[in-house]
């Protein structure tokens, strides 16, 4: 078959084709509708996924419980500020205990926002620690104290909550228990935590003295 014969065959075949235009149009419309439905379903599922992600984020974000830190709206400005800073912390502590002397080497580095003073009084160690890391917390002093000591907390007229307990010093090398201490922890309404501790059995030492030291106004202005 030469080129002229092939051309004539194609033309005759084309003349015999009679496409069903209505069927083609209907099929195109149906495919278009199906495509739109798929897009609509995809958009709906996408919206559900976004809502689900937002809801999950709301569940996972930290709540307003003990130790949860500052309020998401911003930290609460304290009504009082620390008035004593190292290395003067020990000297101020010594002024509250007549006859006390500052422990040598107390000017060592301190943890950020945590200061500590130590003195020797009547042959025993007495310490005072002020922790300012909780300032601006949205949890109350009562909640923080109860999370620490449960129903053993008591409230002061100024709105602070006090926990009285005892601790034991453990030798990190041998694991043996050493000196025992009476301790008082004060949870201040502004978020400060003040700890006072002294060796148990020392004449005049006890929770009443430690409570007075921890609650003294000398630590704040």
N, C-alpha and C. Protein backbone atom coordinates (compact mmCIF):
# COMPACT_ATOMS: atom_id res chain seq x y z
N UNK A 1 0.86 -1.19 0.00
CA UNK A 1 0.00 0.00 0.00
C UNK A 1 0.89 1.23 0.00
N UNK A 2 0.61 2.12 -1.02
CA UNK A 2 1.42 3.33 -1.09
C UNK A 2 0.81 4.41 -0.22
N UNK A 3 1.45 5.56 -0.20
CA UNK A 3 1.03 6.67 0.65
C UNK A 3 -0.34 7.19 0.27
N UNK A 4 -0.66 7.24 -1.04
CA UNK A 4 -1.96 7.76 -1.49
C UNK A 4 -3.08 6.84 -1.04
N UNK A 5 -2.85 5.51 -1.13
CA UNK A 5 -3.87 4.56 -0.72
C UNK A 5 -4.11 4.63 0.80
N UNK A 6 -3.02 4.78 1.58
CA UNK A 6 -3.13 4.88 3.05
C UNK A 6 -3.94 6.10 3.44
N UNK A 7 -3.72 7.23 2.76
CA UNK A 7 -4.46 8.47 3.05
C UNK A 7 -5.94 8.28 2.79
N UNK A 8 -6.31 7.64 1.65
CA UNK A 8 -7.71 7.43 1.31
C UNK A 8 -8.38 6.53 2.35
N UNK A 9 -7.64 5.50 2.86
CA UNK A 9 -8.21 4.58 3.84
C UNK A 9 -8.53 5.32 5.16
N UNK A 10 -7.64 6.17 5.58
CA UNK A 10 -7.85 6.93 6.81
C UNK A 10 -9.05 7.85 6.69
N UNK A 11 -9.19 8.52 5.51
CA UNK A 11 -10.32 9.43 5.31
C UNK A 11 -11.64 8.70 5.33
N UNK A 12 -11.68 7.49 4.66
CA UNK A 12 -12.93 6.73 4.67
C UNK A 12 -13.29 6.26 6.09
N UNK A 13 -12.27 5.85 6.86
CA UNK A 13 -12.53 5.39 8.24
C UNK A 13 -13.05 6.52 9.10
N UNK A 14 -12.47 7.72 8.95
CA UNK A 14 -12.93 8.88 9.70
C UNK A 14 -14.35 9.25 9.39
N UNK A 15 -14.75 9.08 8.11
CA UNK A 15 -16.12 9.41 7.74
C UNK A 15 -17.13 8.51 8.42
N UNK A 16 -16.71 7.30 8.75
CA UNK A 16 -17.66 6.34 9.35
C UNK A 16 -17.83 6.55 10.85
N UNK A 17 -16.92 7.36 11.48
CA UNK A 17 -17.01 7.59 12.95
C UNK A 17 -18.10 8.60 13.24
N UNK A 18 -18.99 8.28 14.14
CA UNK A 18 -20.07 9.19 14.54
C UNK A 18 -20.09 9.28 16.05
N UNK A 19 -19.27 10.08 16.66
CA UNK A 19 -19.18 10.15 18.13
C UNK A 19 -20.49 10.58 18.76
N UNK A 20 -20.81 9.95 19.91
CA UNK A 20 -22.00 10.31 20.68
C UNK A 20 -21.63 11.50 21.57
N UNK A 21 -21.96 12.68 21.05
CA UNK A 21 -21.56 13.90 21.75
C UNK A 21 -22.20 14.00 23.12
N UNK A 22 -23.48 13.64 23.22
CA UNK A 22 -24.16 13.74 24.51
C UNK A 22 -23.51 12.84 25.55
N UNK A 23 -23.10 11.62 25.14
CA UNK A 23 -22.46 10.70 26.09
C UNK A 23 -21.11 11.26 26.56
N UNK A 24 -20.36 11.84 25.61
CA UNK A 24 -19.06 12.40 25.98
C UNK A 24 -19.22 13.56 26.96
N UNK A 25 -20.21 14.43 26.70
CA UNK A 25 -20.44 15.57 27.58
C UNK A 25 -20.86 15.09 28.96
N UNK A 26 -21.80 14.11 28.99
CA UNK A 26 -22.27 13.58 30.27
C UNK A 26 -21.13 12.97 31.07
N UNK A 27 -20.25 12.25 30.38
CA UNK A 27 -19.11 11.64 31.07
C UNK A 27 -18.18 12.69 31.64
N UNK A 28 -17.95 13.75 30.85
CA UNK A 28 -17.09 14.83 31.35
C UNK A 28 -17.67 15.51 32.57
N UNK A 29 -19.01 15.75 32.55
CA UNK A 29 -19.66 16.38 33.69
C UNK A 29 -19.55 15.50 34.93
N UNK A 30 -19.78 14.19 34.73
CA UNK A 30 -19.70 13.26 35.86
C UNK A 30 -18.31 13.25 36.46
N UNK A 31 -17.29 13.23 35.57
CA UNK A 31 -15.92 13.24 36.10
C UNK A 31 -15.63 14.54 36.85
N UNK A 32 -16.16 15.66 36.34
CA UNK A 32 -15.96 16.94 37.02
C UNK A 32 -16.60 16.97 38.39
N UNK A 33 -17.84 16.41 38.48
CA UNK A 33 -18.52 16.36 39.77
C UNK A 33 -17.75 15.49 40.77
N UNK A 34 -17.27 14.35 40.29
CA UNK A 34 -16.51 13.45 41.16
C UNK A 34 -15.25 14.13 41.68
N UNK A 35 -14.58 14.89 40.78
CA UNK A 35 -13.35 15.59 41.18
C UNK A 35 -13.65 16.64 42.24
N UNK A 36 -14.80 17.36 42.08
CA UNK A 36 -15.17 18.39 43.06
C UNK A 36 -15.50 17.76 44.41
N UNK A 37 -16.18 16.59 44.37
CA UNK A 37 -16.51 15.91 45.62
C UNK A 37 -15.24 15.50 46.37
N UNK A 38 -14.26 15.00 45.61
CA UNK A 38 -13.01 14.59 46.26
C UNK A 38 -12.31 15.78 46.90
N UNK A 39 -12.33 16.93 46.18
CA UNK A 39 -11.70 18.12 46.75
C UNK A 39 -12.44 18.58 48.01
N UNK A 40 -13.79 18.51 47.98
CA UNK A 40 -14.58 18.93 49.13
C UNK A 40 -14.31 18.05 50.34
N UNK A 41 -14.24 16.72 50.09
CA UNK A 41 -13.97 15.78 51.19
C UNK A 41 -12.58 16.03 51.75
N UNK A 42 -11.60 16.27 50.86
CA UNK A 42 -10.23 16.54 51.32
C UNK A 42 -10.17 17.79 52.16
N UNK A 43 -10.90 18.82 51.76
CA UNK A 43 -10.91 20.07 52.54
C UNK A 43 -11.53 19.85 53.91
N UNK A 44 -12.64 19.06 53.96
CA UNK A 44 -13.30 18.78 55.23
C UNK A 44 -12.39 18.03 56.17
N UNK A 45 -11.71 16.98 55.66
CA UNK A 45 -10.80 16.21 56.47
C UNK A 45 -9.64 17.06 56.96
N UNK A 46 -9.18 17.96 56.09
CA UNK A 46 -8.10 18.86 56.49
C UNK A 46 -8.54 19.74 57.63
N UNK A 47 -9.79 20.26 57.58
CA UNK A 47 -10.29 21.09 58.67
C UNK A 47 -10.41 20.32 59.95
N UNK A 48 -10.87 19.06 59.88
CA UNK A 48 -10.98 18.22 61.06
C UNK A 48 -9.61 17.98 61.66
N UNK A 49 -8.60 17.75 60.80
CA UNK A 49 -7.25 17.51 61.29
C UNK A 49 -6.72 18.72 62.03
N UNK A 50 -7.00 19.91 61.51
CA UNK A 50 -6.53 21.13 62.16
C UNK A 50 -7.20 21.29 63.51
N UNK A 51 -8.53 21.08 63.57
CA UNK A 51 -9.25 21.20 64.83
C UNK A 51 -8.73 20.18 65.83
N UNK A 52 -8.49 18.94 65.37
CA UNK A 52 -7.96 17.91 66.25
C UNK A 52 -6.59 18.28 66.78
N UNK A 53 -5.74 18.85 65.92
CA UNK A 53 -4.40 19.25 66.37
C UNK A 53 -4.48 20.35 67.41
N UNK A 54 -5.39 21.30 67.23
CA UNK A 54 -5.55 22.39 68.20
C UNK A 54 -6.04 21.83 69.53
N UNK A 55 -7.02 20.91 69.47
CA UNK A 55 -7.54 20.31 70.70
C UNK A 55 -6.46 19.53 71.43
N UNK A 56 -5.64 18.77 70.67
CA UNK A 56 -4.56 18.00 71.28
C UNK A 56 -3.54 18.91 71.91
N UNK A 57 -3.23 20.02 71.24
CA UNK A 57 -2.28 20.97 71.81
C UNK A 57 -2.81 21.54 73.12
N UNK A 58 -4.13 21.80 73.17
CA UNK A 58 -4.71 22.32 74.41
C UNK A 58 -4.59 21.34 75.55
N UNK A 59 -4.67 20.04 75.25
CA UNK A 59 -4.56 19.02 76.29
C UNK A 59 -3.12 18.90 76.77
N UNK A 60 -2.16 18.99 75.83
CA UNK A 60 -0.76 18.75 76.17
C UNK A 60 -0.09 19.95 76.81
N UNK A 61 -0.60 21.17 76.60
CA UNK A 61 0.02 22.34 77.20
C UNK A 61 -0.06 22.23 78.72
N UNK A 62 1.00 22.71 79.44
CA UNK A 62 0.99 22.59 80.90
C UNK A 62 -0.14 23.37 81.52
N UNK A 63 -0.74 22.80 82.56
CA UNK A 63 -1.85 23.44 83.23
C UNK A 63 -1.39 24.36 84.34
N UNK A 64 -2.32 24.72 85.17
CA UNK A 64 -2.05 25.69 86.23
C UNK A 64 -1.95 24.98 87.56
N UNK A 65 -1.08 23.99 87.63
CA UNK A 65 -0.93 23.22 88.85
C UNK A 65 0.36 23.57 89.55
N UNK A 66 0.66 22.88 90.66
CA UNK A 66 1.88 23.16 91.42
C UNK A 66 3.11 23.01 90.55
N UNK A 67 4.00 23.98 90.61
CA UNK A 67 5.24 23.92 89.84
C UNK A 67 5.07 24.19 88.38
N UNK A 68 3.91 24.67 87.96
CA UNK A 68 3.69 24.88 86.52
C UNK A 68 4.37 26.13 86.00
N UNK A 69 4.91 26.99 86.89
CA UNK A 69 5.65 28.16 86.43
C UNK A 69 4.78 29.36 86.21
N UNK A 70 5.34 30.39 85.54
CA UNK A 70 4.61 31.64 85.36
C UNK A 70 3.34 31.47 84.54
N UNK A 71 2.38 32.34 84.78
CA UNK A 71 1.13 32.35 84.04
C UNK A 71 1.41 32.65 82.57
N UNK A 72 0.75 31.92 81.60
CA UNK A 72 0.97 32.20 80.18
C UNK A 72 0.73 33.64 79.81
N UNK A 73 -0.15 34.36 80.55
CA UNK A 73 -0.43 35.75 80.25
C UNK A 73 0.73 36.66 80.63
N UNK A 74 1.69 36.13 81.37
CA UNK A 74 2.84 36.91 81.79
C UNK A 74 3.08 36.76 83.28
N UNK A 75 4.32 36.89 83.74
CA UNK A 75 4.62 36.73 85.15
C UNK A 75 3.96 37.81 86.00
N UNK A 76 3.59 37.42 87.22
CA UNK A 76 2.97 38.37 88.14
C UNK A 76 4.08 39.13 88.86
N UNK A 77 4.01 40.45 88.85
CA UNK A 77 5.04 41.26 89.49
C UNK A 77 5.00 41.07 91.00
N UNK A 78 6.13 40.78 91.65
CA UNK A 78 6.13 40.58 93.10
C UNK A 78 5.91 41.89 93.84
N UNK A 79 5.31 41.79 95.02
CA UNK A 79 5.10 42.98 95.84
C UNK A 79 6.34 43.29 96.67
N UNK A 80 7.22 42.28 96.86
CA UNK A 80 8.46 42.48 97.60
C UNK A 80 9.63 41.97 96.77
N UNK A 81 10.81 42.49 97.10
CA UNK A 81 12.03 42.07 96.40
C UNK A 81 13.10 41.71 97.42
N UNK A 82 13.97 40.79 97.04
CA UNK A 82 15.05 40.37 97.93
C UNK A 82 15.96 41.56 98.22
N UNK A 83 16.28 41.76 99.49
CA UNK A 83 17.11 42.89 99.90
C UNK A 83 18.53 42.49 100.26
N UNK A 84 18.79 41.18 100.31
CA UNK A 84 20.10 40.68 100.73
C UNK A 84 20.67 39.79 99.63
N UNK A 85 21.94 39.97 99.34
CA UNK A 85 22.57 39.18 98.28
C UNK A 85 23.94 38.68 98.75
N UNK A 86 24.38 37.54 98.21
CA UNK A 86 25.70 37.02 98.60
C UNK A 86 26.79 37.98 98.16
N UNK A 87 27.89 38.03 98.90
CA UNK A 87 28.18 37.19 100.08
C UNK A 87 27.63 37.72 101.38
N UNK A 88 26.74 38.73 101.34
CA UNK A 88 26.20 39.31 102.56
C UNK A 88 25.14 38.48 103.24
N UNK A 89 24.65 37.42 102.59
CA UNK A 89 23.58 36.61 103.18
C UNK A 89 23.98 36.02 104.52
N UNK A 90 25.19 35.51 104.59
CA UNK A 90 25.66 34.90 105.84
C UNK A 90 25.80 35.94 106.95
N UNK A 91 26.27 37.12 106.60
CA UNK A 91 26.44 38.17 107.60
C UNK A 91 25.10 38.59 108.19
N UNK A 92 24.08 38.70 107.35
CA UNK A 92 22.76 39.06 107.85
C UNK A 92 22.21 37.94 108.73
N UNK A 93 22.42 36.68 108.33
CA UNK A 93 21.98 35.56 109.14
C UNK A 93 22.66 35.59 110.51
N UNK A 94 23.94 35.90 110.53
CA UNK A 94 24.68 35.96 111.80
C UNK A 94 24.14 37.06 112.70
N UNK A 95 23.64 38.16 112.11
CA UNK A 95 23.09 39.26 112.92
C UNK A 95 21.81 38.86 113.65
N UNK A 96 21.14 37.82 113.16
CA UNK A 96 19.91 37.35 113.80
C UNK A 96 20.19 36.33 114.91
N UNK A 97 21.46 35.88 115.02
CA UNK A 97 21.84 34.89 116.02
C UNK A 97 23.04 35.42 116.79
N UNK A 98 22.81 36.10 117.90
CA UNK A 98 23.92 36.68 118.67
C UNK A 98 25.00 35.64 118.99
N UNK A 99 26.23 36.01 118.66
CA UNK A 99 27.35 35.11 118.90
C UNK A 99 27.69 34.22 117.72
N UNK A 100 26.90 34.29 116.64
CA UNK A 100 27.17 33.45 115.46
C UNK A 100 28.33 34.03 114.66
N UNK A 101 29.02 33.19 113.95
CA UNK A 101 30.10 33.65 113.08
C UNK A 101 29.90 33.08 111.67
N UNK A 102 30.30 33.85 110.70
CA UNK A 102 30.14 33.45 109.30
C UNK A 102 31.11 32.32 108.97
N UNK A 103 30.63 31.34 108.25
CA UNK A 103 31.47 30.23 107.83
C UNK A 103 32.42 30.71 106.74
N UNK A 104 33.68 30.40 106.88
CA UNK A 104 34.68 30.83 105.91
C UNK A 104 34.42 30.18 104.55
N UNK A 105 34.71 30.95 103.50
CA UNK A 105 34.54 30.42 102.15
C UNK A 105 33.11 30.48 101.67
N UNK A 106 32.28 31.29 102.33
CA UNK A 106 30.87 31.37 101.95
C UNK A 106 30.65 32.21 100.69
N UNK A 107 31.72 32.81 100.15
CA UNK A 107 31.57 33.62 98.96
C UNK A 107 31.71 32.79 97.68
N UNK A 108 31.54 31.48 97.80
CA UNK A 108 31.62 30.60 96.62
C UNK A 108 30.46 30.88 95.68
N UNK A 109 30.54 30.35 94.47
CA UNK A 109 29.50 30.61 93.47
C UNK A 109 28.17 30.01 93.93
N UNK A 110 27.07 30.66 93.51
CA UNK A 110 25.74 30.23 93.88
C UNK A 110 24.94 29.86 92.64
N UNK A 111 23.94 29.01 92.86
CA UNK A 111 23.04 28.66 91.78
C UNK A 111 22.22 29.88 91.39
N UNK A 112 21.91 29.99 90.10
CA UNK A 112 21.17 31.14 89.61
C UNK A 112 19.83 31.28 90.34
N UNK A 113 19.57 32.47 90.87
CA UNK A 113 18.35 32.83 91.59
C UNK A 113 18.19 32.09 92.92
N UNK A 114 19.24 31.45 93.38
CA UNK A 114 19.21 30.78 94.68
C UNK A 114 20.45 31.21 95.47
N UNK A 115 20.23 31.80 96.63
CA UNK A 115 21.36 32.22 97.46
C UNK A 115 21.29 31.53 98.80
N UNK A 116 22.46 31.33 99.39
CA UNK A 116 22.53 30.57 100.63
C UNK A 116 23.53 31.21 101.57
N UNK A 117 23.15 31.27 102.84
CA UNK A 117 24.06 31.74 103.88
C UNK A 117 24.25 30.67 104.93
N UNK A 118 25.42 30.64 105.55
CA UNK A 118 25.69 29.64 106.58
C UNK A 118 26.52 30.26 107.69
N UNK A 119 26.16 29.94 108.93
CA UNK A 119 26.91 30.42 110.09
C UNK A 119 27.10 29.26 111.07
N UNK A 120 28.04 29.48 112.00
CA UNK A 120 28.21 28.56 113.12
C UNK A 120 27.66 29.26 114.36
N UNK A 121 26.76 28.58 115.03
CA UNK A 121 26.12 29.15 116.22
C UNK A 121 26.04 28.09 117.29
N UNK A 122 26.68 28.37 118.43
CA UNK A 122 26.73 27.42 119.55
C UNK A 122 27.29 26.07 119.11
N UNK A 123 28.27 26.17 118.22
CA UNK A 123 28.96 24.97 117.76
C UNK A 123 28.23 24.19 116.69
N UNK A 124 27.12 24.72 116.20
CA UNK A 124 26.34 23.99 115.19
C UNK A 124 26.17 24.83 113.93
N UNK A 125 25.83 24.15 112.85
CA UNK A 125 25.61 24.81 111.56
C UNK A 125 24.16 25.28 111.44
N UNK A 126 23.99 26.53 110.98
CA UNK A 126 22.67 27.08 110.69
C UNK A 126 22.71 27.66 109.28
N UNK A 127 21.74 27.32 108.46
CA UNK A 127 21.73 27.79 107.08
C UNK A 127 20.42 28.49 106.75
N UNK A 128 20.51 29.39 105.79
CA UNK A 128 19.32 30.10 105.29
C UNK A 128 19.44 30.16 103.77
N UNK A 129 18.39 29.73 103.07
CA UNK A 129 18.38 29.72 101.60
C UNK A 129 17.16 30.48 101.09
N UNK A 130 17.38 31.33 100.11
CA UNK A 130 16.28 32.05 99.45
C UNK A 130 16.27 31.65 97.99
N UNK A 131 15.17 31.05 97.56
CA UNK A 131 15.01 30.57 96.18
C UNK A 131 13.98 31.47 95.48
N UNK A 132 14.44 32.21 94.46
CA UNK A 132 13.56 33.15 93.76
C UNK A 132 13.07 32.62 92.42
N UNK A 133 13.29 31.35 92.13
CA UNK A 133 12.92 30.82 90.82
C UNK A 133 11.41 30.71 90.62
N UNK A 134 10.63 30.72 91.70
CA UNK A 134 9.18 30.59 91.57
C UNK A 134 8.45 31.92 91.52
N UNK A 135 9.19 33.03 91.53
CA UNK A 135 8.53 34.34 91.51
C UNK A 135 7.75 34.50 90.21
N UNK A 136 6.50 34.93 90.30
CA UNK A 136 5.65 35.07 89.13
C UNK A 136 4.81 33.84 88.84
N UNK A 137 4.94 32.79 89.67
CA UNK A 137 4.17 31.57 89.46
C UNK A 137 2.68 31.84 89.65
N UNK A 138 1.86 31.18 88.85
CA UNK A 138 0.41 31.34 88.96
C UNK A 138 -0.18 30.47 90.06
N UNK A 139 0.60 29.55 90.64
CA UNK A 139 0.11 28.73 91.74
C UNK A 139 0.28 29.50 93.05
N UNK A 140 -0.60 29.24 93.99
CA UNK A 140 -0.58 29.97 95.25
C UNK A 140 0.45 29.37 96.22
N UNK A 141 0.77 30.15 97.25
CA UNK A 141 1.70 29.67 98.28
C UNK A 141 1.12 28.43 98.96
N UNK A 142 -0.18 28.42 99.17
CA UNK A 142 -0.81 27.27 99.80
C UNK A 142 -0.67 26.02 98.93
N UNK A 143 -0.91 26.14 97.64
CA UNK A 143 -0.80 24.99 96.74
C UNK A 143 0.63 24.44 96.71
N UNK A 144 1.60 25.34 96.68
CA UNK A 144 2.99 24.89 96.63
C UNK A 144 3.38 24.19 97.93
N UNK A 145 2.93 24.76 99.05
CA UNK A 145 3.27 24.15 100.34
C UNK A 145 2.61 22.79 100.50
N UNK A 146 1.35 22.69 100.12
CA UNK A 146 0.65 21.41 100.26
C UNK A 146 1.21 20.35 99.33
N UNK A 147 1.72 20.78 98.18
CA UNK A 147 2.37 19.82 97.29
C UNK A 147 3.65 19.28 97.92
N UNK A 148 4.24 20.06 98.80
CA UNK A 148 5.49 19.67 99.46
C UNK A 148 5.24 18.85 100.72
N UNK A 149 4.28 19.29 101.56
CA UNK A 149 4.08 18.64 102.86
C UNK A 149 2.63 18.30 103.16
N UNK A 150 1.75 18.43 102.21
CA UNK A 150 0.36 18.05 102.45
C UNK A 150 -0.31 18.91 103.50
N UNK A 151 -1.01 18.23 104.44
CA UNK A 151 -1.77 18.95 105.46
C UNK A 151 -0.90 19.48 106.60
N UNK A 152 0.41 19.29 106.53
CA UNK A 152 1.30 19.76 107.58
C UNK A 152 1.64 21.23 107.48
N UNK A 153 1.06 21.95 106.51
CA UNK A 153 1.36 23.36 106.31
C UNK A 153 0.46 24.24 107.16
N UNK A 154 1.01 25.38 107.60
CA UNK A 154 0.24 26.35 108.36
C UNK A 154 0.40 27.73 107.72
N UNK A 155 -0.65 28.57 107.85
CA UNK A 155 -0.64 29.89 107.24
C UNK A 155 -0.26 30.96 108.25
N UNK A 156 0.48 31.98 107.77
CA UNK A 156 0.84 33.11 108.61
C UNK A 156 -0.13 34.26 108.35
N UNK A 157 -0.18 35.27 109.24
CA UNK A 157 -1.06 36.42 109.00
C UNK A 157 -0.75 37.16 107.70
N UNK A 158 0.48 37.05 107.19
CA UNK A 158 0.86 37.75 105.96
C UNK A 158 0.56 36.94 104.69
N UNK A 159 -0.05 35.77 104.85
CA UNK A 159 -0.41 34.97 103.68
C UNK A 159 0.64 33.99 103.23
N UNK A 160 1.75 33.86 103.98
CA UNK A 160 2.75 32.85 103.66
C UNK A 160 2.32 31.51 104.27
N UNK A 161 2.86 30.43 103.69
CA UNK A 161 2.55 29.09 104.21
C UNK A 161 3.85 28.43 104.63
N UNK A 162 3.82 27.80 105.80
CA UNK A 162 5.03 27.29 106.43
C UNK A 162 4.94 25.78 106.60
N UNK A 163 6.05 25.10 106.24
CA UNK A 163 6.16 23.66 106.43
C UNK A 163 7.34 23.38 107.35
N UNK A 164 7.11 22.64 108.43
CA UNK A 164 8.16 22.28 109.37
C UNK A 164 8.46 20.80 109.21
N UNK A 165 9.74 20.48 109.05
CA UNK A 165 10.12 19.07 108.91
C UNK A 165 11.54 18.88 109.42
N UNK A 166 12.13 17.79 109.08
CA UNK A 166 13.51 17.51 109.50
C UNK A 166 14.23 16.82 108.35
N UNK A 167 15.53 16.96 108.33
CA UNK A 167 16.35 16.35 107.29
C UNK A 167 17.54 15.64 107.92
N UNK A 168 18.14 14.77 107.14
CA UNK A 168 19.31 14.03 107.59
C UNK A 168 20.42 14.21 106.56
N UNK A 169 21.61 14.50 107.04
CA UNK A 169 22.76 14.65 106.15
C UNK A 169 23.34 13.28 105.85
N UNK A 170 23.54 12.99 104.55
CA UNK A 170 24.07 11.70 104.13
C UNK A 170 25.43 11.90 103.48
N UNK A 171 26.41 11.11 103.89
CA UNK A 171 27.75 11.18 103.30
C UNK A 171 27.70 10.60 101.89
N UNK A 172 28.03 11.43 100.89
CA UNK A 172 27.93 10.99 99.50
C UNK A 172 28.93 9.88 99.16
N UNK A 173 29.98 9.76 99.93
CA UNK A 173 31.00 8.73 99.65
C UNK A 173 30.65 7.39 100.27
N UNK A 174 30.15 7.42 101.51
CA UNK A 174 29.86 6.17 102.21
C UNK A 174 28.38 5.82 102.23
N UNK A 175 27.51 6.83 102.00
CA UNK A 175 26.07 6.59 102.06
C UNK A 175 25.54 6.53 103.48
N UNK A 176 26.39 6.81 104.47
CA UNK A 176 25.98 6.75 105.86
C UNK A 176 25.31 8.06 106.28
N UNK A 177 24.32 7.92 107.16
CA UNK A 177 23.62 9.09 107.68
C UNK A 177 24.48 9.78 108.75
N UNK A 178 24.47 11.10 108.70
CA UNK A 178 25.25 11.86 109.66
C UNK A 178 24.37 12.75 110.51
N UNK A 179 24.63 14.05 110.47
CA UNK A 179 23.88 14.98 111.31
C UNK A 179 22.43 15.10 110.86
N UNK A 180 21.55 15.31 111.81
CA UNK A 180 20.14 15.55 111.49
C UNK A 180 19.84 17.02 111.77
N UNK A 181 18.91 17.57 111.01
CA UNK A 181 18.60 18.99 111.09
C UNK A 181 17.10 19.20 111.27
N UNK A 182 16.76 20.20 112.06
CA UNK A 182 15.41 20.73 112.05
C UNK A 182 15.34 21.71 110.88
N UNK A 183 14.22 21.75 110.18
CA UNK A 183 14.10 22.62 109.01
C UNK A 183 12.72 23.24 108.93
N UNK A 184 12.70 24.47 108.46
CA UNK A 184 11.45 25.20 108.24
C UNK A 184 11.49 25.77 106.83
N UNK A 185 10.44 25.54 106.07
CA UNK A 185 10.34 26.07 104.70
C UNK A 185 9.13 27.00 104.61
N UNK A 186 9.37 28.20 104.09
CA UNK A 186 8.32 29.20 103.96
C UNK A 186 8.03 29.43 102.48
N UNK A 187 6.76 29.31 102.11
CA UNK A 187 6.31 29.62 100.74
C UNK A 187 5.67 31.01 100.78
N UNK A 188 6.37 31.97 100.21
CA UNK A 188 5.93 33.36 100.22
C UNK A 188 4.87 33.60 99.14
N UNK A 189 3.89 34.49 99.38
CA UNK A 189 2.86 34.76 98.36
C UNK A 189 3.42 35.24 97.02
N UNK A 190 4.61 35.86 97.03
CA UNK A 190 5.21 36.33 95.78
C UNK A 190 5.93 35.23 95.02
N UNK A 191 6.04 34.04 95.61
CA UNK A 191 6.70 32.94 94.93
C UNK A 191 8.06 32.57 95.49
N UNK A 192 8.59 33.36 96.41
CA UNK A 192 9.88 33.02 97.02
C UNK A 192 9.71 31.80 97.94
N UNK A 193 10.80 31.02 98.03
CA UNK A 193 10.83 29.90 98.97
C UNK A 193 12.04 30.11 99.87
N UNK A 194 11.79 30.20 101.18
CA UNK A 194 12.86 30.46 102.15
C UNK A 194 13.01 29.25 103.05
N UNK A 195 14.22 28.71 103.11
CA UNK A 195 14.51 27.55 103.94
C UNK A 195 15.48 27.94 105.05
N UNK A 196 15.17 27.56 106.28
CA UNK A 196 16.09 27.72 107.41
C UNK A 196 16.27 26.36 108.05
N UNK A 197 17.53 26.01 108.36
CA UNK A 197 17.81 24.70 108.94
C UNK A 197 18.93 24.82 109.96
N UNK A 198 18.85 24.01 111.00
CA UNK A 198 19.87 24.00 112.05
C UNK A 198 20.02 22.62 112.63
N UNK A 199 21.22 22.31 113.13
CA UNK A 199 21.49 20.98 113.66
C UNK A 199 20.60 20.68 114.87
N UNK A 200 19.96 19.54 114.81
CA UNK A 200 19.07 19.13 115.90
C UNK A 200 19.89 18.83 117.16
N UNK A 201 19.32 19.19 118.29
CA UNK A 201 19.98 18.93 119.56
C UNK A 201 20.82 20.09 120.06
N UNK A 202 21.00 21.12 119.24
CA UNK A 202 21.75 22.30 119.67
C UNK A 202 20.91 23.09 120.67
N UNK A 203 21.47 23.51 121.79
CA UNK A 203 20.70 24.29 122.77
C UNK A 203 20.09 25.54 122.14
N UNK A 204 18.81 25.72 122.31
CA UNK A 204 18.12 26.87 121.76
C UNK A 204 17.66 26.69 120.32
N UNK A 205 18.12 25.64 119.69
CA UNK A 205 17.71 25.38 118.30
C UNK A 205 16.35 24.70 118.29
N UNK A 206 15.60 24.93 117.24
CA UNK A 206 14.30 24.29 117.11
C UNK A 206 13.48 24.98 116.04
N UNK A 207 12.31 24.44 115.78
CA UNK A 207 11.48 24.98 114.70
C UNK A 207 11.02 26.40 114.98
N UNK A 208 10.84 26.76 116.28
CA UNK A 208 10.38 28.10 116.60
C UNK A 208 11.43 29.14 116.20
N UNK A 209 12.71 28.88 116.50
CA UNK A 209 13.79 29.79 116.14
C UNK A 209 13.94 29.86 114.62
N UNK A 210 13.93 28.72 113.96
CA UNK A 210 14.11 28.69 112.51
C UNK A 210 12.95 29.37 111.79
N UNK A 211 11.77 29.22 112.34
CA UNK A 211 10.59 29.88 111.76
C UNK A 211 10.75 31.40 111.85
N UNK A 212 11.22 31.87 113.00
CA UNK A 212 11.42 33.31 113.18
C UNK A 212 12.47 33.83 112.19
N UNK A 213 13.54 33.08 111.97
CA UNK A 213 14.59 33.50 111.04
C UNK A 213 14.05 33.56 109.62
N UNK A 214 13.34 32.50 109.20
CA UNK A 214 12.85 32.43 107.82
C UNK A 214 11.81 33.50 107.52
N UNK A 215 11.05 33.91 108.52
CA UNK A 215 9.97 34.88 108.31
C UNK A 215 10.40 36.32 108.61
N UNK A 216 11.65 36.51 108.98
CA UNK A 216 12.12 37.86 109.32
C UNK A 216 12.05 38.78 108.10
N UNK A 217 11.60 40.01 108.32
CA UNK A 217 11.47 40.98 107.23
C UNK A 217 12.81 41.46 106.69
N UNK A 218 13.91 41.11 107.35
CA UNK A 218 15.22 41.59 106.91
C UNK A 218 15.59 41.09 105.53
N UNK A 219 14.98 40.01 105.09
CA UNK A 219 15.36 39.41 103.80
C UNK A 219 14.74 40.14 102.61
N UNK A 220 13.72 40.97 102.84
CA UNK A 220 13.02 41.62 101.74
C UNK A 220 12.85 43.11 102.00
N UNK A 221 12.64 43.86 100.93
CA UNK A 221 12.34 45.28 101.08
C UNK A 221 10.96 45.58 100.51
